[in-house]
Amino acid sequence: MSETQRLDKWLWQARFYKTRGLAQRMCAAGKIRINSQRIRKTHYALKAGDILTFPQGSRIRVVRILAMPERRGPATEARLCYEDIDGTEAAPR
């Protein structure tokens, strides 16, 4: 398994967005934050431990990256790549 992965690819493989193109558009629009920093680059190299904040449908998701998926597999497999965390934990202090 790789130590890093492109932001758009990770969001798609972890099944947060239906298509990789949609994940790319969210990145380009500045809708994604990594460790509280707004990111506009789809090729940003994510690593385990990073905290992502992003919109998904009508809610804001805050997740900690645990692993880099090797493929876009079933949701149960994708769920092992992240953990949901409380939004207050990721807020800057």
N, C-alpha and C. Protein backbone atom coordinates (compact mmCIF):
# COMPACT_ATOMS: atom_id res chain seq x y z
N MET A 1 0.83 -1.19 0.00
CA MET A 1 0.00 0.00 0.00
C MET A 1 0.87 1.25 0.00
N SER A 2 0.47 2.25 -0.70
CA SER A 2 1.20 3.50 -0.79
C SER A 2 1.04 4.31 0.50
N GLU A 3 2.04 5.15 0.81
CA GLU A 3 1.97 5.99 1.99
C GLU A 3 1.16 7.25 1.76
N THR A 4 1.06 7.69 0.49
CA THR A 4 0.26 8.87 0.14
C THR A 4 -0.65 8.53 -1.03
N GLN A 5 -1.66 9.39 -1.22
CA GLN A 5 -2.56 9.22 -2.35
C GLN A 5 -3.15 10.57 -2.70
N ARG A 6 -3.45 10.76 -3.99
CA ARG A 6 -4.09 12.00 -4.46
C ARG A 6 -5.41 12.21 -3.73
N LEU A 7 -5.70 13.45 -3.40
CA LEU A 7 -6.93 13.81 -2.70
C LEU A 7 -8.18 13.36 -3.45
N ASP A 8 -8.27 13.68 -4.74
CA ASP A 8 -9.47 13.32 -5.50
C ASP A 8 -9.66 11.80 -5.58
N LYS A 9 -8.58 11.09 -5.75
CA LYS A 9 -8.65 9.63 -5.84
C LYS A 9 -9.09 9.02 -4.51
N TRP A 10 -8.56 9.55 -3.41
CA TRP A 10 -8.92 9.02 -2.09
C TRP A 10 -10.41 9.25 -1.81
N LEU A 11 -10.89 10.46 -2.09
CA LEU A 11 -12.31 10.76 -1.85
C LEU A 11 -13.22 9.83 -2.65
N TRP A 12 -12.82 9.52 -3.87
CA TRP A 12 -13.61 8.62 -4.73
C TRP A 12 -13.51 7.18 -4.24
N GLN A 13 -12.28 6.71 -3.97
CA GLN A 13 -12.11 5.33 -3.55
C GLN A 13 -12.70 5.06 -2.17
N ALA A 14 -12.73 6.06 -1.31
CA ALA A 14 -13.33 5.90 0.01
C ALA A 14 -14.85 6.08 -0.05
N ARG A 15 -15.37 6.27 -1.26
CA ARG A 15 -16.80 6.30 -1.55
C ARG A 15 -17.55 7.51 -0.96
N PHE A 16 -16.87 8.65 -0.87
CA PHE A 16 -17.53 9.87 -0.43
C PHE A 16 -18.22 10.57 -1.60
N TYR A 17 -17.67 10.39 -2.80
CA TYR A 17 -18.27 10.97 -4.01
C TYR A 17 -18.43 9.88 -5.04
N LYS A 18 -19.54 9.96 -5.78
CA LYS A 18 -19.90 8.91 -6.74
C LYS A 18 -18.92 8.79 -7.90
N THR A 19 -18.35 9.93 -8.32
CA THR A 19 -17.38 9.90 -9.42
C THR A 19 -16.11 10.66 -9.01
N ARG A 20 -15.02 10.30 -9.65
CA ARG A 20 -13.77 11.01 -9.37
C ARG A 20 -13.86 12.44 -9.89
N GLY A 21 -14.59 12.64 -10.98
CA GLY A 21 -14.79 13.98 -11.53
C GLY A 21 -15.49 14.90 -10.54
N LEU A 22 -16.47 14.38 -9.82
CA LEU A 22 -17.17 15.18 -8.80
C LEU A 22 -16.20 15.54 -7.67
N ALA A 23 -15.38 14.59 -7.26
CA ALA A 23 -14.37 14.86 -6.22
C ALA A 23 -13.40 15.95 -6.71
N GLN A 24 -13.02 15.90 -7.98
CA GLN A 24 -12.11 16.91 -8.55
C GLN A 24 -12.77 18.29 -8.54
N ARG A 25 -14.05 18.35 -8.89
CA ARG A 25 -14.76 19.64 -8.90
C ARG A 25 -14.86 20.23 -7.49
N MET A 26 -15.10 19.39 -6.48
CA MET A 26 -15.18 19.86 -5.11
C MET A 26 -13.83 20.43 -4.66
N CYS A 27 -12.76 19.77 -5.04
CA CYS A 27 -11.41 20.25 -4.71
C CYS A 27 -11.14 21.59 -5.39
N ALA A 28 -11.39 21.66 -6.68
CA ALA A 28 -11.12 22.87 -7.45
C ALA A 28 -11.94 24.06 -6.96
N ALA A 29 -13.13 23.78 -6.42
CA ALA A 29 -14.00 24.85 -5.92
C ALA A 29 -13.59 25.30 -4.51
N GLY A 30 -12.59 24.66 -3.93
CA GLY A 30 -12.12 25.05 -2.60
C GLY A 30 -13.03 24.57 -1.48
N LYS A 31 -13.78 23.51 -1.71
CA LYS A 31 -14.75 23.00 -0.72
C LYS A 31 -14.11 22.02 0.27
N ILE A 32 -12.86 21.64 0.05
CA ILE A 32 -12.19 20.64 0.87
C ILE A 32 -11.15 21.31 1.76
N ARG A 33 -11.12 20.92 3.03
CA ARG A 33 -10.08 21.40 3.94
C ARG A 33 -9.30 20.19 4.46
N ILE A 34 -8.00 20.34 4.51
CA ILE A 34 -7.12 19.32 5.07
C ILE A 34 -6.38 19.97 6.23
N ASN A 35 -6.56 19.39 7.42
CA ASN A 35 -5.93 19.94 8.62
C ASN A 35 -6.23 21.44 8.75
N SER A 36 -7.49 21.81 8.51
CA SER A 36 -8.02 23.18 8.61
C SER A 36 -7.55 24.13 7.52
N GLN A 37 -6.82 23.66 6.52
CA GLN A 37 -6.36 24.50 5.42
C GLN A 37 -7.17 24.20 4.17
N ARG A 38 -7.70 25.25 3.54
CA ARG A 38 -8.46 25.07 2.30
C ARG A 38 -7.51 24.60 1.19
N ILE A 39 -7.92 23.56 0.48
CA ILE A 39 -7.10 22.96 -0.58
C ILE A 39 -7.85 23.07 -1.90
N ARG A 40 -7.16 23.51 -2.95
CA ARG A 40 -7.77 23.59 -4.28
C ARG A 40 -7.08 22.66 -5.27
N LYS A 41 -6.08 21.93 -4.83
CA LYS A 41 -5.32 21.05 -5.72
C LYS A 41 -5.83 19.61 -5.61
N THR A 42 -6.29 19.07 -6.71
CA THR A 42 -6.78 17.70 -6.71
C THR A 42 -5.65 16.70 -6.50
N HIS A 43 -4.43 17.11 -6.80
CA HIS A 43 -3.29 16.20 -6.68
C HIS A 43 -2.60 16.30 -5.32
N TYR A 44 -3.20 17.00 -4.35
CA TYR A 44 -2.62 17.10 -3.01
C TYR A 44 -2.36 15.69 -2.48
N ALA A 45 -1.19 15.45 -1.92
CA ALA A 45 -0.82 14.11 -1.43
C ALA A 45 -1.29 13.91 0.01
N LEU A 46 -2.36 13.14 0.16
CA LEU A 46 -2.89 12.82 1.49
C LEU A 46 -2.03 11.76 2.15
N LYS A 47 -2.00 11.78 3.48
CA LYS A 47 -1.31 10.73 4.22
C LYS A 47 -2.15 10.36 5.44
N ALA A 48 -1.87 9.21 5.99
CA ALA A 48 -2.59 8.76 7.18
C ALA A 48 -2.41 9.79 8.29
N GLY A 49 -3.49 10.06 9.00
CA GLY A 49 -3.46 11.05 10.07
C GLY A 49 -4.03 12.39 9.69
N ASP A 50 -4.09 12.69 8.38
CA ASP A 50 -4.69 13.96 7.93
C ASP A 50 -6.16 13.99 8.30
N ILE A 51 -6.67 15.19 8.59
CA ILE A 51 -8.09 15.37 8.91
C ILE A 51 -8.73 16.14 7.76
N LEU A 52 -9.75 15.53 7.17
CA LEU A 52 -10.48 16.15 6.05
C LEU A 52 -11.81 16.70 6.54
N THR A 53 -12.16 17.88 6.04
CA THR A 53 -13.46 18.48 6.29
C THR A 53 -14.03 18.82 4.92
N PHE A 54 -15.21 18.31 4.62
CA PHE A 54 -15.78 18.52 3.29
C PHE A 54 -17.29 18.31 3.33
N PRO A 55 -18.00 18.93 2.35
CA PRO A 55 -19.44 18.72 2.28
C PRO A 55 -19.76 17.40 1.57
N GLN A 56 -20.78 16.73 2.06
CA GLN A 56 -21.29 15.53 1.39
C GLN A 56 -22.80 15.61 1.50
N GLY A 57 -23.43 15.92 0.37
CA GLY A 57 -24.87 16.14 0.39
C GLY A 57 -25.18 17.37 1.23
N SER A 58 -26.07 17.24 2.20
CA SER A 58 -26.46 18.38 3.03
C SER A 58 -25.70 18.46 4.34
N ARG A 59 -24.70 17.59 4.53
CA ARG A 59 -23.96 17.63 5.80
C ARG A 59 -22.47 17.87 5.56
N ILE A 60 -21.80 18.31 6.60
CA ILE A 60 -20.35 18.51 6.57
C ILE A 60 -19.71 17.31 7.26
N ARG A 61 -18.80 16.66 6.56
CA ARG A 61 -18.10 15.48 7.10
C ARG A 61 -16.74 15.90 7.63
N VAL A 62 -16.34 15.34 8.74
CA VAL A 62 -15.00 15.51 9.30
C VAL A 62 -14.48 14.11 9.57
N VAL A 63 -13.42 13.73 8.87
CA VAL A 63 -12.88 12.37 9.00
C VAL A 63 -11.36 12.41 9.15
N ARG A 64 -10.84 11.43 9.86
CA ARG A 64 -9.39 11.24 9.97
C ARG A 64 -9.01 10.09 9.06
N ILE A 65 -8.00 10.29 8.24
CA ILE A 65 -7.55 9.26 7.31
C ILE A 65 -6.73 8.22 8.07
N LEU A 66 -7.11 6.96 7.90
CA LEU A 66 -6.40 5.86 8.54
C LEU A 66 -5.53 5.09 7.56
N ALA A 67 -5.98 4.99 6.30
CA ALA A 67 -5.26 4.19 5.32
C ALA A 67 -5.56 4.68 3.91
N MET A 68 -4.73 4.22 2.97
CA MET A 68 -4.91 4.53 1.56
C MET A 68 -5.49 3.29 0.87
N PRO A 69 -6.71 3.40 0.34
CA PRO A 69 -7.29 2.23 -0.34
C PRO A 69 -6.55 1.92 -1.64
N GLU A 70 -6.50 0.63 -1.99
CA GLU A 70 -5.85 0.21 -3.23
C GLU A 70 -6.82 0.24 -4.40
N ARG A 71 -8.11 0.21 -4.10
CA ARG A 71 -9.12 0.21 -5.16
C ARG A 71 -10.42 0.78 -4.61
N ARG A 72 -11.37 1.03 -5.49
CA ARG A 72 -12.70 1.45 -5.06
C ARG A 72 -13.51 0.18 -4.84
N GLY A 73 -13.49 -0.31 -3.64
CA GLY A 73 -14.17 -1.55 -3.31
C GLY A 73 -15.52 -1.28 -2.67
N PRO A 74 -16.07 -2.28 -1.99
CA PRO A 74 -17.36 -2.12 -1.32
C PRO A 74 -17.26 -1.12 -0.16
N ALA A 75 -18.40 -0.59 0.24
CA ALA A 75 -18.44 0.41 1.30
C ALA A 75 -17.83 -0.11 2.60
N THR A 76 -18.00 -1.38 2.90
CA THR A 76 -17.43 -1.93 4.13
C THR A 76 -15.91 -1.88 4.11
N GLU A 77 -15.33 -2.09 2.94
CA GLU A 77 -13.88 -2.00 2.78
C GLU A 77 -13.42 -0.55 2.86
N ALA A 78 -14.17 0.35 2.23
CA ALA A 78 -13.83 1.77 2.23
C ALA A 78 -13.89 2.34 3.64
N ARG A 79 -14.82 1.87 4.46
CA ARG A 79 -15.02 2.38 5.82
C ARG A 79 -13.77 2.15 6.69
N LEU A 80 -12.95 1.18 6.35
CA LEU A 80 -11.75 0.88 7.12
C LEU A 80 -10.63 1.91 6.88
N CYS A 81 -10.81 2.79 5.89
CA CYS A 81 -9.78 3.76 5.51
C CYS A 81 -9.91 5.09 6.26
N TYR A 82 -10.96 5.27 7.05
CA TYR A 82 -11.16 6.54 7.76
C TYR A 82 -11.97 6.32 9.02
N GLU A 83 -11.94 7.33 9.89
CA GLU A 83 -12.82 7.32 11.06
C GLU A 83 -13.51 8.67 11.12
N ASP A 84 -14.80 8.65 11.40
CA ASP A 84 -15.55 9.88 11.60
C ASP A 84 -15.14 10.48 12.93
N ILE A 85 -14.91 11.78 12.94
CA ILE A 85 -14.59 12.45 14.20
C ILE A 85 -15.51 13.64 14.38
N ASP A 86 -15.60 14.12 15.59
CA ASP A 86 -16.42 15.27 15.91
C ASP A 86 -15.81 16.51 15.29
N GLY A 87 -16.62 17.36 14.69
CA GLY A 87 -16.13 18.57 14.03
C GLY A 87 -15.37 19.51 14.95
N THR A 88 -15.67 19.48 16.24
CA THR A 88 -14.97 20.39 17.17
C THR A 88 -13.53 19.97 17.36
N GLU A 89 -13.20 18.70 17.17
CA GLU A 89 -11.83 18.22 17.33
C GLU A 89 -10.91 18.81 16.26
N ALA A 90 -11.46 19.04 15.06
CA ALA A 90 -10.66 19.54 13.95
C ALA A 90 -10.59 21.06 13.90
N ALA A 91 -11.36 21.75 14.76
CA ALA A 91 -11.39 23.19 14.74
C ALA A 91 -10.06 23.77 15.23
N PRO A 92 -9.59 24.86 14.60
CA PRO A 92 -8.33 25.46 15.05
C PRO A 92 -8.49 26.04 16.45
N ARG A 93 -7.41 25.96 17.22
CA ARG A 93 -7.47 26.45 18.61
C ARG A 93 -6.61 27.66 18.78
